[in-house]
Each structure stands twice: as structure tokens, then as C-alpha cells.
Amino acid sequence: MTDHKRINQITYACYSSNLRDGEQFIPEHVFSYQISGRLVYNDGEKEYIFNQGSFRLTRRNTLIKFNKIPPENGEYSNISVFMDQKTLKNLSMEYDYKATKSQYNEPVFHLPANDLLSGYIESLKPYDELDKPGNEVLKNIKLKELIVILLQTHPILKDVLFDFTEPGKIDLESFMTQNFRFNVSLERFAYLTGRSLSTFQRDFEKIFALSPRKWLQQKRLQEAYYLIKEKNANPSDIYLDVGFQDLSHFSFAFKKMFGLSPSRIV
């Protein structure tokens, strides 16, 4: 069973079964509280684990894979608040909040618990009341309240929340080699590397001598072959991890490239 309640900027999620896939691109800063269960993040280099009772902030423009794990005989549940750029820019102008050069490049932050954050979560518990028509002003106030609490309790986050710069042009080869497992659009890859789609495609072919789509499929299938052959991985356990959304499509593409179905690799 899955239950989502989206309240504009505020989302309550509840799962009674394990969910391995999710939104892999995080477009806005997200503050979350883990009510029950465990969340495992992977950004392609590092794993982050959030247990029951933990607070976290996920940075915008982040690629993340996650595994939502309910407790035994229980439900996974968390509440998240999305901090949109418009609200943050308005607060920046109103209170002269400005980012300096940030020394913190992590995609996600563990936030130590404190009374202010705990009290804020308590104030969000009447989810159904917040979701009623006419409560838009209240929800906007709750969003601003959160931002102020984060700044007071974790001042370093000013350099994260009020950094309004868009991704700059970065090294394409290293970025794609690290992030090819993320199943996001070419437009998203182009944006995250600081390029237009046409420039991304042109630069990509100069570097890899293949189109992005062909390179991505080959790279993902080569990774899958390695995991199955060398690590004895089960195809049904790894097709999502290497960037495929559908097991049947993965199996078809794998057989076309290697001449054998994934289950025949020994």
C-alpha cells in the first residue's frame, strides 16, 4: 500500500512495502523528518542512511537513488517540506540573507535534532487540516517558519539555501562516468553539466565518439554484465541500479548486446 498526501510544499508519505525507486532528480531543497522506517540514499559515490527520528536536508539539483524500508510489521513514513526558489528569494530580499562561497558540497545533510525542529514537526501533524482549501497562507507561513528555524539552528545552511546560482559548465566526462546509472533525461544531464541540450550532445560526441543515448545504454549494460558475471548479482535485483526502469527492456537490450539473456550469464 502506498499513501501520498501532497500539501503544496508539504508532503506526507507512507509505505507498507519496500520501495526501491523514486524521483532521482531533486529540483528543490527538501527538509525531511523520518517518522518511521529507514531511508537509504545513494548519490553514486556515497551511501547515506536515515533512521527513525532523524532530520535531513537534501540539496536542490541533486541526483539521488533511494531505498525506502519499512520497519518489520510496520509502515515507512516521513514528512517532507519543499523549499521553492521563489520563497527563498523573497526571504533573501526581505531579510538580506545572502550566501557566501559555500564549503559544503554534500548532496544531503544529517541535521542534529533540537527542540525547535521537533516542535516544528509537531505543528505539522494535523496534515488533513493543512490540506483543506483556504489554508494556503498558513502553509506558506509554515514554510517560512521552517527556513528561519534552519538558519537559527544550523547557520551554515545559509550558504546552501540562498545559493541561487544555476549549475555551471563542468567536466562532462567525469560527471557522466559518475552518474550514468541515473535514469534521467538528456535534458536533465545537460542542465546539470551547465549546457544547453544541443551543446551537451555536441560536447558528448566529441568526448565519447558516441551519441549520449547509445553510450548510456552500452555503459549501463556493461555495468550489469560485470555485476552478474563477477558479483553473481541477480538481474532482477540490479536492473534499476544500473539505470533501467523496466526489467523486460533491460533483458531485451542485454541479449541484443551480449547474445545471451542476463539469466544465462555464468
C-alpha atoms as a PDB file:
ATOM      1  CA  MET A   1       0.000   0.000   0.000  1.00  0.00           C
ATOM      2  CA  THR A   2       1.194   3.499  -0.784  1.00  0.00           C
ATOM      3  CA  ASP A   3      -0.284   6.712   0.514  1.00  0.00           C
ATOM      4  CA  HIS A   4       0.767  10.199  -0.533  1.00  0.00           C
ATOM      5  CA  LYS A   5      -0.667  13.452   0.751  1.00  0.00           C
ATOM      6  CA  ARG A   6       0.739  16.420  -1.114  1.00  0.00           C
ATOM      7  CA  ILE A   7       0.038  19.731   0.577  1.00  0.00           C
ATOM      8  CA  ASN A   8       1.660  22.163  -1.821  1.00  0.00           C
ATOM      9  CA  GLN A   9       5.098  22.434  -0.246  1.00  0.00           C
ATOM     10  CA  ILE A  10       4.423  19.744   2.376  1.00  0.00           C
ATOM     11  CA  THR A  11       4.294  16.010   1.651  1.00  0.00           C
ATOM     12  CA  TYR A  12       3.397  13.129   3.948  1.00  0.00           C
ATOM     13  CA  ALA A  13       4.340   9.672   2.603  1.00  0.00           C
ATOM     14  CA  CYS A  14       3.506   6.248   3.965  1.00  0.00           C
ATOM     15  CA  TYR A  15       4.518   2.818   2.597  1.00  0.00           C
ATOM     16  CA  SER A  16       3.871  -0.673   3.909  1.00  0.00           C
ATOM     17  CA  SER A  17       6.231  -2.347   1.425  1.00  0.00           C
ATOM     18  CA  ASN A  18       9.807  -1.728   0.344  1.00  0.00           C
ATOM     19  CA  LEU A  19      10.187   0.922  -2.391  1.00  0.00           C
ATOM     20  CA  ARG A  20      13.493   0.906  -4.247  1.00  0.00           C
ATOM     21  CA  ASP A  21      12.857   3.514  -6.895  1.00  0.00           C
ATOM     22  CA  GLY A  22      11.810   7.121  -6.725  1.00  0.00           C
ATOM     23  CA  GLU A  23      12.325  10.605  -8.046  1.00  0.00           C
ATOM     24  CA  GLN A  24      16.010  10.571  -8.844  1.00  0.00           C
ATOM     25  CA  PHE A  25      16.364  14.301  -9.529  1.00  0.00           C
ATOM     26  CA  ILE A  26      15.680  16.619  -6.602  1.00  0.00           C
ATOM     27  CA  PRO A  27      14.754  20.032  -8.103  1.00  0.00           C
ATOM     28  CA  GLU A  28      14.261  21.952  -4.815  1.00  0.00           C
ATOM     29  CA  HIS A  29      15.816  21.894  -1.352  1.00  0.00           C
ATOM     30  CA  VAL A  30      13.863  19.391   0.757  1.00  0.00           C
ATOM     31  CA  PHE A  31      13.699  19.208   4.546  1.00  0.00           C
ATOM     32  CA  SER A  32      12.510  15.824   5.838  1.00  0.00           C
ATOM     33  CA  TYR A  33      11.766  14.083   9.107  1.00  0.00           C
ATOM     34  CA  GLN A  34      11.854  10.282   9.276  1.00  0.00           C
ATOM     35  CA  ILE A  35       8.769   9.275  11.262  1.00  0.00           C
ATOM     36  CA  SER A  36       9.305   5.517  10.933  1.00  0.00           C
ATOM     37  CA  GLY A  37      11.326   3.089   8.863  1.00  0.00           C
ATOM     38  CA  ARG A  38      14.674   3.730   7.236  1.00  0.00           C
ATOM     39  CA  LEU A  39      15.730   5.661   4.144  1.00  0.00           C
ATOM     40  CA  VAL A  40      18.931   4.807   2.253  1.00  0.00           C
ATOM     41  CA  TYR A  41      20.273   7.413  -0.192  1.00  0.00           C
ATOM     42  CA  ASN A  42      22.987   6.809  -2.778  1.00  0.00           C
ATOM     43  CA  ASP A  43      24.441   9.675  -4.830  1.00  0.00           C
ATOM     44  CA  GLY A  44      26.646   7.445  -6.989  1.00  0.00           C
ATOM     45  CA  GLU A  45      29.643   7.769  -4.681  1.00  0.00           C
ATOM     46  CA  LYS A  46      28.405   7.541  -1.117  1.00  0.00           C
ATOM     47  CA  GLU A  47      25.560   5.982   0.835  1.00  0.00           C
ATOM     48  CA  TYR A  48      23.577   7.905   3.445  1.00  0.00           C
ATOM     49  CA  ILE A  49      21.299   6.191   5.978  1.00  0.00           C
ATOM     50  CA  PHE A  50      18.472   7.935   7.833  1.00  0.00           C
ATOM     51  CA  ASN A  51      16.739   6.060  10.628  1.00  0.00           C
ATOM     52  CA  GLN A  52      13.561   6.757  12.547  1.00  0.00           C
ATOM     53  CA  GLY A  53      13.615  10.134  14.280  1.00  0.00           C
ATOM     54  CA  SER A  54      16.258  11.689  12.025  1.00  0.00           C
ATOM     55  CA  PHE A  55      16.164  15.065  10.266  1.00  0.00           C
ATOM     56  CA  ARG A  56      17.790  15.756   6.895  1.00  0.00           C
ATOM     57  CA  LEU A  57      18.139  18.407   4.217  1.00  0.00           C
ATOM     58  CA  THR A  58      18.553  17.340   0.598  1.00  0.00           C
ATOM     59  CA  ARG A  59      20.146  19.937  -1.648  1.00  0.00           C
ATOM     60  CA  ARG A  60      18.406  21.047  -4.850  1.00  0.00           C
ATOM     61  CA  ASN A  61      19.694  19.922  -8.250  1.00  0.00           C
ATOM     62  CA  THR A  62      20.794  16.601  -6.782  1.00  0.00           C
ATOM     63  CA  LEU A  63      20.745  13.140  -8.347  1.00  0.00           C
ATOM     64  CA  ILE A  64      19.818  10.557  -5.732  1.00  0.00           C
ATOM     65  CA  LYS A  65      18.748   6.925  -5.695  1.00  0.00           C
ATOM     66  CA  PHE A  66      16.857   5.813  -2.642  1.00  0.00           C
ATOM     67  CA  ASN A  67      15.501   2.758  -0.890  1.00  0.00           C
ATOM     68  CA  LYS A  68      12.575   3.247   1.483  1.00  0.00           C
ATOM     69  CA  ILE A  69      12.474   0.422   4.013  1.00  0.00           C
ATOM     70  CA  PRO A  70       9.521  -0.019   6.385  1.00  0.00           C
ATOM     71  CA  PRO A  71      10.141  -1.495   9.843  1.00  0.00           C
ATOM     72  CA  GLU A  72       9.223  -5.116  10.461  1.00  0.00           C
ATOM     73  CA  ASN A  73       5.411  -5.411  10.636  1.00  0.00           C
ATOM     74  CA  GLY A  74       5.116  -1.647  10.258  1.00  0.00           C
ATOM     75  CA  GLU A  75       4.999   1.232   7.813  1.00  0.00           C
ATOM     76  CA  TYR A  76       7.598   3.540   6.376  1.00  0.00           C
ATOM     77  CA  SER A  77       6.534   7.146   6.845  1.00  0.00           C
ATOM     78  CA  ASN A  78       8.112  10.554   6.598  1.00  0.00           C
ATOM     79  CA  ILE A  79       7.146  14.174   6.142  1.00  0.00           C
ATOM     80  CA  SER A  80       8.949  16.499   3.746  1.00  0.00           C
ATOM     81  CA  VAL A  81       8.833  20.240   3.155  1.00  0.00           C
ATOM     82  CA  PHE A  82       9.909  21.595  -0.222  1.00  0.00           C
ATOM     83  CA  MET A  83      11.612  24.993  -0.153  1.00  0.00           C
ATOM     84  CA  ASP A  84      10.974  26.603  -3.527  1.00  0.00           C
ATOM     85  CA  GLN A  85      13.275  29.197  -5.052  1.00  0.00           C
ATOM     86  CA  LYS A  86      10.606  31.914  -5.140  1.00  0.00           C
ATOM     87  CA  THR A  87      10.022  31.753  -1.380  1.00  0.00           C
ATOM     88  CA  LEU A  88      13.747  31.693  -0.645  1.00  0.00           C
ATOM     89  CA  LYS A  89      14.436  34.647  -2.936  1.00  0.00           C
ATOM     90  CA  ASN A  90      11.649  36.662  -1.310  1.00  0.00           C
ATOM     91  CA  LEU A  91      13.094  35.950   2.143  1.00  0.00           C
ATOM     92  CA  SER A  92      16.547  36.853   0.881  1.00  0.00           C
ATOM     93  CA  MET A  93      15.325  40.275  -0.233  1.00  0.00           C
ATOM     94  CA  GLU A  94      13.173  40.860   2.849  1.00  0.00           C
ATOM     95  CA  TYR A  95      15.813  39.970   5.455  1.00  0.00           C
ATOM     96  CA  ASP A  96      19.007  40.442   3.419  1.00  0.00           C
ATOM     97  CA  TYR A  97      20.001  36.785   3.609  1.00  0.00           C
ATOM     98  CA  LYS A  98      22.932  36.183   1.286  1.00  0.00           C
ATOM     99  CA  ALA A  99      25.083  33.167   0.592  1.00  0.00           C
ATOM    100  CA  THR A 100      28.853  33.364   0.707  1.00  0.00           C
ATOM    101  CA  LYS A 101      31.108  30.857  -1.012  1.00  0.00           C
ATOM    102  CA  SER A 102      29.959  27.521   0.354  1.00  0.00           C
ATOM    103  CA  GLN A 103      32.472  24.979   1.619  1.00  0.00           C
ATOM    104  CA  TYR A 104      29.750  22.336   1.880  1.00  0.00           C
ATOM    105  CA  ASN A 105      29.153  20.340  -1.297  1.00  0.00           C
ATOM    106  CA  GLU A 106      27.357  17.340   0.144  1.00  0.00           C
ATOM    107  CA  PRO A 107      24.077  16.470  -1.595  1.00  0.00           C
ATOM    108  CA  VAL A 108      22.384  15.744   1.719  1.00  0.00           C
ATOM    109  CA  PHE A 109      22.894  16.829   5.327  1.00  0.00           C
ATOM    110  CA  HIS A 110      22.116  15.000   8.554  1.00  0.00           C
ATOM    111  CA  LEU A 111      20.606  17.636  10.844  1.00  0.00           C
ATOM    112  CA  PRO A 112      21.040  17.086  14.589  1.00  0.00           C
ATOM    113  CA  ALA A 113      17.740  17.071  16.454  1.00  0.00           C
ATOM    114  CA  ASN A 114      16.809  20.072  18.583  1.00  0.00           C
ATOM    115  CA  ASP A 115      13.721  21.406  20.324  1.00  0.00           C
ATOM    116  CA  LEU A 116      12.864  23.880  17.575  1.00  0.00           C
ATOM    117  CA  LEU A 117      12.880  21.260  14.820  1.00  0.00           C
ATOM    118  CA  SER A 118      10.952  18.795  16.977  1.00  0.00           C
ATOM    119  CA  GLY A 119       8.371  21.452  17.827  1.00  0.00           C
ATOM    120  CA  TYR A 120       8.039  22.353  14.151  1.00  0.00           C
ATOM    121  CA  ILE A 121       7.302  18.737  13.191  1.00  0.00           C
ATOM    122  CA  GLU A 122       4.694  18.543  15.957  1.00  0.00           C
ATOM    123  CA  SER A 123       2.974  21.577  14.459  1.00  0.00           C
ATOM    124  CA  LEU A 124       2.659  19.791  11.106  1.00  0.00           C
ATOM    125  CA  LYS A 125       0.918  16.696  12.472  1.00  0.00           C
ATOM    126  CA  PRO A 126      -2.659  17.773  11.636  1.00  0.00           C
ATOM    127  CA  TYR A 127      -1.925  17.030   7.940  1.00  0.00           C
ATOM    128  CA  ASP A 128      -5.601  16.876   6.976  1.00  0.00           C
ATOM    129  CA  GLU A 129      -6.275  20.326   8.443  1.00  0.00           C
ATOM    130  CA  LEU A 130      -3.394  21.840   6.489  1.00  0.00           C
ATOM    131  CA  ASP A 131      -4.707  20.203   3.334  1.00  0.00           C
ATOM    132  CA  LYS A 132      -8.110  21.911   3.477  1.00  0.00           C
ATOM    133  CA  PRO A 133      -8.879  24.676   0.953  1.00  0.00           C
ATOM    134  CA  GLY A 134      -8.180  28.168   2.257  1.00  0.00           C
ATOM    135  CA  ASN A 135      -5.082  27.195   4.224  1.00  0.00           C
ATOM    136  CA  GLU A 136      -2.598  28.372   1.587  1.00  0.00           C
ATOM    137  CA  VAL A 137      -1.483  31.354   3.685  1.00  0.00           C
ATOM    138  CA  LEU A 138      -0.929  29.120   6.722  1.00  0.00           C
ATOM    139  CA  LYS A 139       1.123  26.689   4.660  1.00  0.00           C
ATOM    140  CA  ASN A 140       3.275  29.500   3.309  1.00  0.00           C
ATOM    141  CA  ILE A 141       3.849  30.764   6.845  1.00  0.00           C
ATOM    142  CA  LYS A 142       4.858  27.260   7.959  1.00  0.00           C
ATOM    143  CA  LEU A 143       7.361  27.114   5.103  1.00  0.00           C
ATOM    144  CA  LYS A 144       8.931  30.450   6.091  1.00  0.00           C
ATOM    145  CA  GLU A 145       8.986  29.357   9.740  1.00  0.00           C
ATOM    146  CA  LEU A 146      10.995  26.289   8.804  1.00  0.00           C
ATOM    147  CA  ILE A 147      13.565  28.303   6.866  1.00  0.00           C
ATOM    148  CA  VAL A 148      14.096  30.669   9.789  1.00  0.00           C
ATOM    149  CA  ILE A 149      14.439  27.735  12.227  1.00  0.00           C
ATOM    150  CA  LEU A 150      17.017  26.082   9.965  1.00  0.00           C
ATOM    151  CA  LEU A 151      19.029  29.284   9.783  1.00  0.00           C
ATOM    152  CA  GLN A 152      18.931  29.758  13.544  1.00  0.00           C
ATOM    153  CA  THR A 153      19.821  26.168  14.430  1.00  0.00           C
ATOM    154  CA  HIS A 154      22.200  25.419  11.541  1.00  0.00           C
ATOM    155  CA  PRO A 155      23.690  28.734  10.335  1.00  0.00           C
ATOM    156  CA  ILE A 156      25.912  27.051   7.727  1.00  0.00           C
ATOM    157  CA  LEU A 157      22.763  26.278   5.727  1.00  0.00           C
ATOM    158  CA  LYS A 158      22.528  29.939   4.706  1.00  0.00           C
ATOM    159  CA  ASP A 159      25.215  29.258   2.126  1.00  0.00           C
ATOM    160  CA  VAL A 160      23.152  26.366   0.771  1.00  0.00           C
ATOM    161  CA  LEU A 161      19.598  27.728   0.858  1.00  0.00           C
ATOM    162  CA  PHE A 162      20.447  31.146  -0.560  1.00  0.00           C
ATOM    163  CA  ASP A 163      22.762  30.000  -3.309  1.00  0.00           C
ATOM    164  CA  PHE A 164      20.641  30.798  -6.364  1.00  0.00           C
ATOM    165  CA  THR A 165      23.264  30.096  -8.999  1.00  0.00           C
ATOM    166  CA  GLU A 166      22.454  27.567 -11.683  1.00  0.00           C
ATOM    167  CA  PRO A 167      24.848  24.686 -12.452  1.00  0.00           C
ATOM    168  CA  GLY A 168      27.952  25.940 -14.251  1.00  0.00           C
ATOM    169  CA  LYS A 169      29.741  24.211 -17.085  1.00  0.00           C
ATOM    170  CA  ILE A 170      31.636  21.300 -15.585  1.00  0.00           C
ATOM    171  CA  ASP A 171      33.801  18.428 -16.806  1.00  0.00           C
ATOM    172  CA  LEU A 172      31.412  16.308 -18.838  1.00  0.00           C
ATOM    173  CA  GLU A 173      33.446  13.097 -18.918  1.00  0.00           C
ATOM    174  CA  SER A 174      33.898  12.792 -15.153  1.00  0.00           C
ATOM    175  CA  PHE A 175      30.263  13.765 -14.459  1.00  0.00           C
ATOM    176  CA  MET A 176      28.806  11.196 -16.844  1.00  0.00           C
ATOM    177  CA  THR A 177      31.188   8.465 -15.711  1.00  0.00           C
ATOM    178  CA  GLN A 178      29.989   9.020 -12.148  1.00  0.00           C
ATOM    179  CA  ASN A 179      26.286   9.458 -12.918  1.00  0.00           C
ATOM    180  CA  PHE A 180      25.432   7.191 -15.869  1.00  0.00           C
ATOM    181  CA  ARG A 181      23.429   4.896 -13.586  1.00  0.00           C
ATOM    182  CA  PHE A 182      20.797   7.597 -13.016  1.00  0.00           C
ATOM    183  CA  ASN A 183      17.836   7.155 -15.332  1.00  0.00           C
ATOM    184  CA  VAL A 184      17.101  10.812 -16.046  1.00  0.00           C
ATOM    185  CA  SER A 185      16.519  12.640 -19.303  1.00  0.00           C
ATOM    186  CA  LEU A 186      19.273  14.020 -21.527  1.00  0.00           C
ATOM    187  CA  GLU A 187      17.816  17.461 -20.868  1.00  0.00           C
ATOM    188  CA  ARG A 188      18.464  16.910 -17.146  1.00  0.00           C
ATOM    189  CA  PHE A 189      22.035  15.751 -17.727  1.00  0.00           C
ATOM    190  CA  ALA A 190      22.608  18.788 -19.950  1.00  0.00           C
ATOM    191  CA  TYR A 191      21.260  21.162 -17.279  1.00  0.00           C
ATOM    192  CA  LEU A 192      23.346  19.625 -14.502  1.00  0.00           C
ATOM    193  CA  THR A 193      26.516  19.965 -16.580  1.00  0.00           C
ATOM    194  CA  GLY A 194      25.788  23.634 -17.366  1.00  0.00           C
ATOM    195  CA  ARG A 195      24.917  23.164 -21.031  1.00  0.00           C
ATOM    196  CA  SER A 196      22.044  23.510 -23.442  1.00  0.00           C
ATOM    197  CA  LEU A 197      20.841  20.201 -24.848  1.00  0.00           C
ATOM    198  CA  SER A 198      22.446  20.850 -28.219  1.00  0.00           C
ATOM    199  CA  THR A 199      25.795  21.808 -26.662  1.00  0.00           C
ATOM    200  CA  PHE A 200      25.628  18.790 -24.367  1.00  0.00           C
ATOM    201  CA  GLN A 201      25.075  16.443 -27.313  1.00  0.00           C
ATOM    202  CA  ARG A 202      27.847  18.059 -29.338  1.00  0.00           C
ATOM    203  CA  ASP A 203      30.357  18.006 -26.463  1.00  0.00           C
ATOM    204  CA  PHE A 204      29.364  14.461 -25.584  1.00  0.00           C
ATOM    205  CA  GLU A 205      30.044  13.071 -29.055  1.00  0.00           C
ATOM    206  CA  LYS A 206      33.409  14.824 -29.172  1.00  0.00           C
ATOM    207  CA  ILE A 207      34.442  13.155 -25.904  1.00  0.00           C
ATOM    208  CA  PHE A 208      32.899   9.698 -26.200  1.00  0.00           C
ATOM    209  CA  ALA A 209      32.555   9.289 -30.007  1.00  0.00           C
ATOM    210  CA  LEU A 210      29.016   8.039 -29.448  1.00  0.00           C
ATOM    211  CA  SER A 211      25.616   9.638 -29.045  1.00  0.00           C
ATOM    212  CA  PRO A 212      24.566  10.089 -25.390  1.00  0.00           C
ATOM    213  CA  ARG A 213      21.729   7.554 -25.668  1.00  0.00           C
ATOM    214  CA  LYS A 214      23.931   4.866 -27.221  1.00  0.00           C
ATOM    215  CA  TRP A 215      26.783   5.462 -24.763  1.00  0.00           C
ATOM    216  CA  LEU A 216      24.432   5.377 -21.775  1.00  0.00           C
ATOM    217  CA  GLN A 217      22.870   2.104 -22.829  1.00  0.00           C
ATOM    218  CA  GLN A 218      26.229   0.481 -23.514  1.00  0.00           C
ATOM    219  CA  LYS A 219      27.702   1.730 -20.247  1.00  0.00           C
ATOM    220  CA  ARG A 220      24.715   0.514 -18.221  1.00  0.00           C
ATOM    221  CA  LEU A 221      24.727  -2.892 -19.901  1.00  0.00           C
ATOM    222  CA  GLN A 222      28.484  -3.289 -19.361  1.00  0.00           C
ATOM    223  CA  GLU A 223      27.979  -2.469 -15.681  1.00  0.00           C
ATOM    224  CA  ALA A 224      25.141  -5.001 -15.487  1.00  0.00           C
ATOM    225  CA  TYR A 225      27.278  -7.694 -17.145  1.00  0.00           C
ATOM    226  CA  TYR A 226      30.068  -7.098 -14.634  1.00  0.00           C
ATOM    227  CA  LEU A 227      27.682  -7.315 -11.667  1.00  0.00           C
ATOM    228  CA  ILE A 228      26.058 -10.508 -12.937  1.00  0.00           C
ATOM    229  CA  LYS A 229      29.260 -12.227 -14.084  1.00  0.00           C
ATOM    230  CA  GLU A 230      31.697 -11.154 -11.368  1.00  0.00           C
ATOM    231  CA  LYS A 231      29.439 -10.439  -8.399  1.00  0.00           C
ATOM    232  CA  ASN A 232      26.791 -13.138  -9.011  1.00  0.00           C
ATOM    233  CA  ALA A 233      24.076 -10.490  -8.935  1.00  0.00           C
ATOM    234  CA  ASN A 234      20.503 -11.371  -9.807  1.00  0.00           C
ATOM    235  CA  PRO A 235      19.326  -9.441 -12.917  1.00  0.00           C
ATOM    236  CA  SER A 236      16.039  -8.557 -11.233  1.00  0.00           C
ATOM    237  CA  ASP A 237      17.964  -7.004  -8.339  1.00  0.00           C
ATOM    238  CA  ILE A 238      20.282  -4.762 -10.361  1.00  0.00           C
ATOM    239  CA  TYR A 239      18.448  -3.502 -13.446  1.00  0.00           C
ATOM    240  CA  LEU A 240      17.169  -0.454 -11.549  1.00  0.00           C
ATOM    241  CA  ASP A 241      20.602   0.176 -10.028  1.00  0.00           C
ATOM    242  CA  VAL A 242      22.277   0.448 -13.434  1.00  0.00           C
ATOM    243  CA  GLY A 243      19.696   2.829 -14.893  1.00  0.00           C
ATOM    244  CA  PHE A 244      16.912   0.754 -16.464  1.00  0.00           C
ATOM    245  CA  GLN A 245      13.283   1.249 -15.475  1.00  0.00           C
ATOM    246  CA  ASP A 246      11.850  -1.937 -16.945  1.00  0.00           C
ATOM    247  CA  LEU A 247      13.170  -5.485 -16.483  1.00  0.00           C
ATOM    248  CA  SER A 248      11.887  -6.744 -19.831  1.00  0.00           C
ATOM    249  CA  HIS A 249      13.523  -3.856 -21.713  1.00  0.00           C
ATOM    250  CA  PHE A 250      16.746  -4.462 -19.797  1.00  0.00           C
ATOM    251  CA  SER A 251      16.695  -8.166 -20.692  1.00  0.00           C
ATOM    252  CA  PHE A 252      15.992  -7.431 -24.370  1.00  0.00           C
ATOM    253  CA  ALA A 253      18.810  -4.862 -24.626  1.00  0.00           C
ATOM    254  CA  PHE A 254      21.211  -7.123 -22.720  1.00  0.00           C
ATOM    255  CA  LYS A 255      20.600 -10.081 -25.040  1.00  0.00           C
ATOM    256  CA  LYS A 256      20.944  -7.854 -28.103  1.00  0.00           C
ATOM    257  CA  MET A 257      24.358  -6.608 -26.922  1.00  0.00           C
ATOM    258  CA  PHE A 258      25.833  -9.815 -25.483  1.00  0.00           C
ATOM    259  CA  GLY A 259      23.955 -12.546 -27.357  1.00  0.00           C
ATOM    260  CA  LEU A 260      22.656 -14.114 -24.146  1.00  0.00           C
ATOM    261  CA  SER A 261      19.877 -13.223 -21.755  1.00  0.00           C
ATOM    262  CA  PRO A 262      21.062 -11.953 -18.331  1.00  0.00           C
ATOM    263  CA  SER A 263      19.963 -15.207 -16.670  1.00  0.00           C
ATOM    264  CA  ARG A 264      22.238 -17.228 -18.977  1.00  0.00           C
ATOM    265  CA  ILE A 265      25.434 -15.468 -17.905  1.00  0.00           C
ATOM    266  CA  VAL A 266      27.528 -17.750 -15.702  1.00  0.00           C
END
